[in-house]
C-alpha atoms as a PDB file:
ATOM      1  CA  MET A   1       0.000   0.000   0.000  1.00  0.00           C
ATOM      2  CA  GLN A   2       1.514   3.319  -1.023  1.00  0.00           C
ATOM      3  CA  LEU A   3       0.075   6.786  -0.757  1.00  0.00           C
ATOM      4  CA  HIS A   4       1.599   9.568  -2.835  1.00  0.00           C
ATOM      5  CA  ILE A   5       1.385  13.292  -2.256  1.00  0.00           C
ATOM      6  CA  SER A   6       2.472  16.081  -4.583  1.00  0.00           C
ATOM      7  CA  PRO A   7       3.594  19.523  -3.443  1.00  0.00           C
ATOM      8  CA  LEU A   8       1.493  22.487  -4.477  1.00  0.00           C
ATOM      9  CA  PRO A   9       3.095  24.966  -6.896  1.00  0.00           C
ATOM     10  CA  GLY A  10       5.253  27.267  -4.773  1.00  0.00           C
ATOM     11  CA  GLY A  11       4.603  25.026  -1.741  1.00  0.00           C
ATOM     12  CA  VAL A  12       6.898  22.356  -0.313  1.00  0.00           C
ATOM     13  CA  PRO A  13      10.307  22.316  -2.050  1.00  0.00           C
ATOM     14  CA  GLN A  14      10.943  19.214  -4.201  1.00  0.00           C
ATOM     15  CA  ASP A  15      14.221  18.457  -2.379  1.00  0.00           C
ATOM     16  CA  LEU A  16      12.631  18.433   1.086  1.00  0.00           C
ATOM     17  CA  GLY A  17      12.409  14.641   1.162  1.00  0.00           C
ATOM     18  CA  ARG A  18      10.271  11.733   0.087  1.00  0.00           C
ATOM     19  CA  ARG A  19       6.704  12.406  -0.928  1.00  0.00           C
ATOM     20  CA  GLU A  20       5.427   8.989   0.064  1.00  0.00           C
ATOM     21  CA  LEU A  21       3.481   8.608   3.257  1.00  0.00           C
ATOM     22  CA  PRO A  22       4.293   5.656   5.512  1.00  0.00           C
ATOM     23  CA  GLY A  23       1.923   2.717   5.415  1.00  0.00           C
ATOM     24  CA  SER A  24      -1.067   2.751   7.733  1.00  0.00           C
ATOM     25  CA  LYS A  25      -1.565  -0.327   9.909  1.00  0.00           C
ATOM     26  CA  SER A  26      -5.312   0.284   9.889  1.00  0.00           C
ATOM     27  CA  HIS A  27      -5.471   0.414   6.080  1.00  0.00           C
ATOM     28  CA  ALA A  28      -3.130  -2.588   5.834  1.00  0.00           C
ATOM     29  CA  GLN A  29      -5.373  -4.649   8.121  1.00  0.00           C
ATOM     30  CA  ARG A  30      -8.484  -3.912   6.117  1.00  0.00           C
ATOM     31  CA  ALA A  31      -6.700  -4.861   2.896  1.00  0.00           C
ATOM     32  CA  MET A  32      -5.374  -8.032   4.583  1.00  0.00           C
ATOM     33  CA  LEU A  33      -8.887  -9.057   5.624  1.00  0.00           C
ATOM     34  CA  LEU A  34     -10.224  -8.685   2.103  1.00  0.00           C
ATOM     35  CA  ALA A  35      -7.266 -10.511   0.555  1.00  0.00           C
ATOM     36  CA  GLY A  36      -7.269 -13.245   3.185  1.00  0.00           C
ATOM     37  CA  LEU A  37     -10.937 -14.064   2.785  1.00  0.00           C
ATOM     38  CA  MET A  38     -11.186 -13.856  -1.015  1.00  0.00           C
ATOM     39  CA  PRO A  39      -9.852 -16.272  -3.635  1.00  0.00           C
ATOM     40  CA  GLY A  40      -6.607 -15.483  -5.413  1.00  0.00           C
ATOM     41  CA  THR A  41      -3.170 -14.217  -4.480  1.00  0.00           C
ATOM     42  CA  TRP A  42      -2.705 -10.594  -3.508  1.00  0.00           C
ATOM     43  CA  GLU A  43       0.300  -8.353  -2.925  1.00  0.00           C
ATOM     44  CA  LEU A  44       0.171  -5.460  -0.473  1.00  0.00           C
ATOM     45  CA  LYS A  45       2.989  -2.972  -1.039  1.00  0.00           C
ATOM     46  CA  GLY A  46       4.302  -0.865   1.833  1.00  0.00           C
ATOM     47  CA  ALA A  47       2.558  -2.853   4.568  1.00  0.00           C
ATOM     48  CA  THR A  48       4.285  -2.429   7.924  1.00  0.00           C
ATOM     49  CA  GLN A  49       4.956  -5.351  10.244  1.00  0.00           C
ATOM     50  CA  SER A  50       3.393  -3.762  13.326  1.00  0.00           C
ATOM     51  CA  GLN A  51       2.200  -6.009  16.150  1.00  0.00           C
ATOM     52  CA  ASP A  52      -1.455  -5.695  15.087  1.00  0.00           C
ATOM     53  CA  VAL A  53      -0.628  -6.557  11.460  1.00  0.00           C
ATOM     54  CA  VAL A  54       1.368  -9.613  12.565  1.00  0.00           C
ATOM     55  CA  VAL A  55      -1.430 -10.782  14.918  1.00  0.00           C
ATOM     56  CA  LEU A  56      -4.034 -10.401  12.171  1.00  0.00           C
ATOM     57  CA  GLY A  57      -1.781 -12.291   9.750  1.00  0.00           C
ATOM     58  CA  GLU A  58      -1.562 -15.181  12.217  1.00  0.00           C
ATOM     59  CA  ALA A  59      -5.351 -15.128  12.627  1.00  0.00           C
ATOM     60  CA  LEU A  60      -5.872 -15.242   8.856  1.00  0.00           C
ATOM     61  CA  GLU A  61      -3.508 -18.231   8.648  1.00  0.00           C
ATOM     62  CA  GLN A  62      -5.600 -19.981  11.316  1.00  0.00           C
ATOM     63  CA  LEU A  63      -8.587 -19.360   9.050  1.00  0.00           C
ATOM     64  CA  GLY A  64      -6.874 -20.969   6.055  1.00  0.00           C
ATOM     65  CA  ALA A  65      -5.101 -18.108   4.239  1.00  0.00           C
ATOM     66  CA  THR A  66      -1.368 -18.195   3.514  1.00  0.00           C
ATOM     67  CA  LEU A  67       0.896 -15.184   4.061  1.00  0.00           C
ATOM     68  CA  SER A  68       4.519 -14.413   3.313  1.00  0.00           C
ATOM     69  CA  TRP A  69       6.623 -11.261   3.644  1.00  0.00           C
ATOM     70  CA  THR A  70       9.305 -10.013   1.262  1.00  0.00           C
ATOM     71  CA  ARG A  71      10.859  -6.714   2.334  1.00  0.00           C
ATOM     72  CA  ASP A  72       8.005  -4.193   2.391  1.00  0.00           C
ATOM     73  CA  ARG A  73       5.495  -6.453   0.641  1.00  0.00           C
ATOM     74  CA  LEU A  74       2.985  -8.876   2.038  1.00  0.00           C
ATOM     75  CA  HIS A  75       1.765 -11.710  -0.207  1.00  0.00           C
ATOM     76  CA  ILE A  76      -1.589 -13.254   0.726  1.00  0.00           C
ATOM     77  CA  THR A  77      -3.404 -16.211  -0.808  1.00  0.00           C
ATOM     78  CA  GLY A  78      -7.039 -16.112   0.235  1.00  0.00           C
ATOM     79  CA  ARG A  79      -8.951 -18.858   1.995  1.00  0.00           C
ATOM     80  CA  LEU A  80     -12.388 -18.570   0.392  1.00  0.00           C
ATOM     81  CA  GLY A  81     -13.792 -22.031  -0.235  1.00  0.00           C
ATOM     82  CA  ARG A  82     -11.537 -23.751   2.317  1.00  0.00           C
ATOM     83  CA  ARG A  83     -13.734 -25.076   5.095  1.00  0.00           C
ATOM     84  CA  ARG A  84     -12.618 -25.720   8.643  1.00  0.00           C
ATOM     85  CA  SER A  85     -14.608 -27.483  11.338  1.00  0.00           C
ATOM     86  CA  VAL A  86     -13.548 -25.092  14.117  1.00  0.00           C
ATOM     87  CA  ALA A  87     -10.887 -22.403  13.857  1.00  0.00           C
ATOM     88  CA  GLU A  88      -9.237 -21.019  16.988  1.00  0.00           C
ATOM     89  CA  VAL A  89      -8.270 -17.374  16.431  1.00  0.00           C
ATOM     90  CA  ASP A  90      -6.377 -15.203  18.933  1.00  0.00           C
ATOM     91  CA  LEU A  91      -6.485 -11.471  18.164  1.00  0.00           C
ATOM     92  CA  ALA A  92      -4.508 -10.372  21.261  1.00  0.00           C
ATOM     93  CA  GLU A  93      -5.359  -6.639  21.653  1.00  0.00           C
ATOM     94  CA  ASN A  94      -6.113  -5.955  17.994  1.00  0.00           C
ATOM     95  CA  GLY A  95      -9.358  -3.967  18.056  1.00  0.00           C
ATOM     96  CA  THR A  96      -9.445  -3.247  14.309  1.00  0.00           C
ATOM     97  CA  GLY A  97      -8.962  -6.919  13.459  1.00  0.00           C
ATOM     98  CA  ALA A  98     -11.502  -8.095  16.046  1.00  0.00           C
ATOM     99  CA  ARG A  99     -14.290  -5.704  15.051  1.00  0.00           C
ATOM    100  CA  THR A 100     -13.899  -6.284  11.334  1.00  0.00           C
ATOM    101  CA  LEU A 101     -13.220 -10.019  11.468  1.00  0.00           C
ATOM    102  CA  LEU A 102     -16.283 -10.713  13.638  1.00  0.00           C
ATOM    103  CA  VAL A 103     -18.562  -9.232  10.990  1.00  0.00           C
ATOM    104  CA  LEU A 104     -16.869 -11.084   8.132  1.00  0.00           C
ATOM    105  CA  LEU A 105     -16.676 -14.451   9.907  1.00  0.00           C
ATOM    106  CA  ALA A 106     -20.406 -14.439  10.555  1.00  0.00           C
ATOM    107  CA  ARG A 107     -20.914 -14.518   6.773  1.00  0.00           C
ATOM    108  CA  LEU A 108     -18.582 -17.480   6.123  1.00  0.00           C
ATOM    109  CA  GLY A 109     -20.692 -20.169   7.796  1.00  0.00           C
ATOM    110  CA  ASP A 110     -17.813 -21.926   9.576  1.00  0.00           C
ATOM    111  CA  THR A 111     -17.430 -22.253  13.347  1.00  0.00           C
ATOM    112  CA  PHE A 112     -14.873 -19.976  14.969  1.00  0.00           C
ATOM    113  CA  ARG A 113     -13.619 -19.272  18.468  1.00  0.00           C
ATOM    114  CA  LEU A 114     -12.124 -15.812  18.802  1.00  0.00           C
ATOM    115  CA  TYR A 115      -9.925 -14.919  21.748  1.00  0.00           C
ATOM    116  CA  GLY A 116      -8.310 -11.704  22.880  1.00  0.00           C
ATOM    117  CA  ARG A 117      -6.437 -10.129  25.763  1.00  0.00           C
ATOM    118  CA  GLU A 118      -8.126  -8.342  28.629  1.00  0.00           C
ATOM    119  CA  GLY A 119      -7.410  -4.935  27.030  1.00  0.00           C
ATOM    120  CA  LEU A 120      -9.482  -5.868  23.988  1.00  0.00           C
END
């Protein structure tokens, strides 16, 4: 995931530095959820390996997706169509992952047990 900004004419000097914004863990997680639950292989550019992103990646693997990192890219092969009898998913303190995943999992028709830490 990459966001680009351009300076306004007469605004920020071109040589001030990079014009790319750092990746957002919230945006990365939403993209991961879509990629992890849909068919196909997806590449997310600029995804950061924050704790929440790593925890969500582990949860998606428990649900049947496959993930791999190469430098600043995350490759995800979705799980749609792969059935599991019961999936155990630990989201630690990841509020974004928990809120979004609960809604999506209800639509999949499998049985899931979601866990989290007390702070969640």
